[in-house]
Amino acid sequence: MSDEAERHEDDAEAAEQWQLVNTPLGEKWSGRTRYAAAMFFYKRGEMSAETLEVYRICARLDSTDPLPIIRDRGIGQDWLKRIGFE
């Protein structure tokens, strides 16, 4: 696979995971969906372990927004800025 094709595949995967990490609150399995997507960004080095842990805690709580918890804990400031939660 060429470098350009590989980069396009990576970009498409990142775009899909971005949509998933922003799954609306309250939908069935949405907490688990957000956590799985958060794991993708963590593995790419784009999210701290502490931020990922909040997503893990919220995974079974479909109606709980992890972003205020991240903010209240004073962690993941780069992530909050990236996701537009300031």
C-alpha atoms as a PDB file:
ATOM      1  CA  MET A   1       0.000   0.000   0.000  1.00  0.00           C
ATOM      2  CA  SER A   2       1.348   3.417  -0.898  1.00  0.00           C
ATOM      3  CA  ASP A   3       2.008   6.042   1.762  1.00  0.00           C
ATOM      4  CA  GLU A   4      -0.786   8.211   0.362  1.00  0.00           C
ATOM      5  CA  ALA A   5      -3.317   5.361   0.411  1.00  0.00           C
ATOM      6  CA  GLU A   6      -2.281   4.468   3.939  1.00  0.00           C
ATOM      7  CA  ARG A   7      -2.644   8.088   5.086  1.00  0.00           C
ATOM      8  CA  HIS A   8      -6.100   8.302   3.464  1.00  0.00           C
ATOM      9  CA  GLU A   9      -7.131   5.109   5.271  1.00  0.00           C
ATOM     10  CA  ASP A  10      -5.837   6.530   8.576  1.00  0.00           C
ATOM     11  CA  ASP A  11      -7.712   9.803   7.983  1.00  0.00           C
ATOM     12  CA  ALA A  12     -10.940   7.946   7.217  1.00  0.00           C
ATOM     13  CA  GLU A  13     -10.583   5.843  10.379  1.00  0.00           C
ATOM     14  CA  ALA A  14      -9.871   8.930  12.498  1.00  0.00           C
ATOM     15  CA  ALA A  15     -12.927  10.704  11.049  1.00  0.00           C
ATOM     16  CA  GLU A  16     -15.124   7.718  11.859  1.00  0.00           C
ATOM     17  CA  GLN A  17     -13.764   7.485  15.400  1.00  0.00           C
ATOM     18  CA  TRP A  18     -14.299  11.237  15.855  1.00  0.00           C
ATOM     19  CA  GLN A  19     -17.988  10.770  15.021  1.00  0.00           C
ATOM     20  CA  LEU A  20     -18.198   7.856  17.460  1.00  0.00           C
ATOM     21  CA  VAL A  21     -16.529   9.703  20.351  1.00  0.00           C
ATOM     22  CA  ASN A  22     -19.201  12.366  19.829  1.00  0.00           C
ATOM     23  CA  THR A  23     -22.115   9.902  19.915  1.00  0.00           C
ATOM     24  CA  PRO A  24     -25.121  11.679  21.476  1.00  0.00           C
ATOM     25  CA  LEU A  25     -25.817  11.056  25.137  1.00  0.00           C
ATOM     26  CA  GLY A  26     -28.655   8.743  26.056  1.00  0.00           C
ATOM     27  CA  GLU A  27     -28.562   6.463  23.026  1.00  0.00           C
ATOM     28  CA  LYS A  28     -28.387   2.776  23.875  1.00  0.00           C
ATOM     29  CA  TRP A  29     -24.727   1.654  24.112  1.00  0.00           C
ATOM     30  CA  SER A  30     -23.530   5.228  23.522  1.00  0.00           C
ATOM     31  CA  GLY A  31     -21.259   5.204  26.554  1.00  0.00           C
ATOM     32  CA  ARG A  32     -19.494   2.089  25.337  1.00  0.00           C
ATOM     33  CA  THR A  33     -19.269   3.558  21.846  1.00  0.00           C
ATOM     34  CA  ARG A  34     -17.640   6.729  23.160  1.00  0.00           C
ATOM     35  CA  TYR A  35     -15.211   4.671  25.259  1.00  0.00           C
ATOM     36  CA  ALA A  36     -14.177   2.497  22.317  1.00  0.00           C
ATOM     37  CA  ALA A  37     -13.538   5.597  20.216  1.00  0.00           C
ATOM     38  CA  ALA A  38     -11.641   7.215  23.088  1.00  0.00           C
ATOM     39  CA  MET A  39      -9.402   4.144  23.208  1.00  0.00           C
ATOM     40  CA  PHE A  40      -8.567   4.752  19.537  1.00  0.00           C
ATOM     41  CA  PHE A  41      -7.407   8.298  20.316  1.00  0.00           C
ATOM     42  CA  TYR A  42      -5.532   7.139  23.420  1.00  0.00           C
ATOM     43  CA  LYS A  43      -3.634   4.530  21.404  1.00  0.00           C
ATOM     44  CA  ARG A  44      -2.645   7.230  18.922  1.00  0.00           C
ATOM     45  CA  GLY A  45      -1.249   9.326  21.769  1.00  0.00           C
ATOM     46  CA  GLU A  46      -3.967  11.963  21.400  1.00  0.00           C
ATOM     47  CA  MET A  47      -5.556  11.440  24.818  1.00  0.00           C
ATOM     48  CA  SER A  48      -4.102  10.944  28.289  1.00  0.00           C
ATOM     49  CA  ALA A  49      -4.654   7.823  30.363  1.00  0.00           C
ATOM     50  CA  GLU A  50      -6.522   9.886  32.962  1.00  0.00           C
ATOM     51  CA  THR A  51      -8.944  11.175  30.331  1.00  0.00           C
ATOM     52  CA  LEU A  52      -9.457   7.675  28.945  1.00  0.00           C
ATOM     53  CA  GLU A  53     -10.245   6.460  32.470  1.00  0.00           C
ATOM     54  CA  VAL A  54     -13.166   8.898  32.679  1.00  0.00           C
ATOM     55  CA  TYR A  55     -14.536   7.505  29.423  1.00  0.00           C
ATOM     56  CA  ARG A  56     -14.137   4.002  30.880  1.00  0.00           C
ATOM     57  CA  ILE A  57     -16.043   4.956  34.033  1.00  0.00           C
ATOM     58  CA  CYS A  58     -18.835   6.476  31.912  1.00  0.00           C
ATOM     59  CA  ALA A  59     -18.960   3.543  29.477  1.00  0.00           C
ATOM     60  CA  ARG A  60     -21.955   1.923  31.164  1.00  0.00           C
ATOM     61  CA  LEU A  61     -23.692   5.238  31.781  1.00  0.00           C
ATOM     62  CA  ASP A  62     -25.151   6.159  28.417  1.00  0.00           C
ATOM     63  CA  SER A  63     -26.601   9.444  29.674  1.00  0.00           C
ATOM     64  CA  THR A  64     -23.493  10.654  31.512  1.00  0.00           C
ATOM     65  CA  ASP A  65     -21.310  13.163  29.705  1.00  0.00           C
ATOM     66  CA  PRO A  66     -17.633  12.462  30.439  1.00  0.00           C
ATOM     67  CA  LEU A  67     -16.529  15.964  29.444  1.00  0.00           C
ATOM     68  CA  PRO A  68     -17.675  17.844  32.575  1.00  0.00           C
ATOM     69  CA  ILE A  69     -16.057  15.131  34.706  1.00  0.00           C
ATOM     70  CA  ILE A  70     -12.792  15.523  32.813  1.00  0.00           C
ATOM     71  CA  ARG A  71     -12.984  19.294  33.311  1.00  0.00           C
ATOM     72  CA  ASP A  72     -13.854  18.994  37.019  1.00  0.00           C
ATOM     73  CA  ARG A  73     -10.892  16.679  37.602  1.00  0.00           C
ATOM     74  CA  GLY A  74      -8.589  19.224  35.975  1.00  0.00           C
ATOM     75  CA  ILE A  75      -7.280  16.738  33.415  1.00  0.00           C
ATOM     76  CA  GLY A  76      -7.355  16.440  29.643  1.00  0.00           C
ATOM     77  CA  GLN A  77      -7.293  20.149  28.888  1.00  0.00           C
ATOM     78  CA  ASP A  78      -5.919  19.520  25.393  1.00  0.00           C
ATOM     79  CA  TRP A  79      -8.674  16.982  24.743  1.00  0.00           C
ATOM     80  CA  LEU A  80     -11.382  19.319  25.997  1.00  0.00           C
ATOM     81  CA  LYS A  81     -10.106  22.082  23.747  1.00  0.00           C
ATOM     82  CA  ARG A  82      -9.929  19.735  20.761  1.00  0.00           C
ATOM     83  CA  ILE A  83     -13.478  18.492  21.284  1.00  0.00           C
ATOM     84  CA  GLY A  84     -14.738  22.050  21.787  1.00  0.00           C
ATOM     85  CA  PHE A  85     -15.654  21.795  25.468  1.00  0.00           C
ATOM     86  CA  GLU A  86     -14.182  24.800  27.219  1.00  0.00           C
END
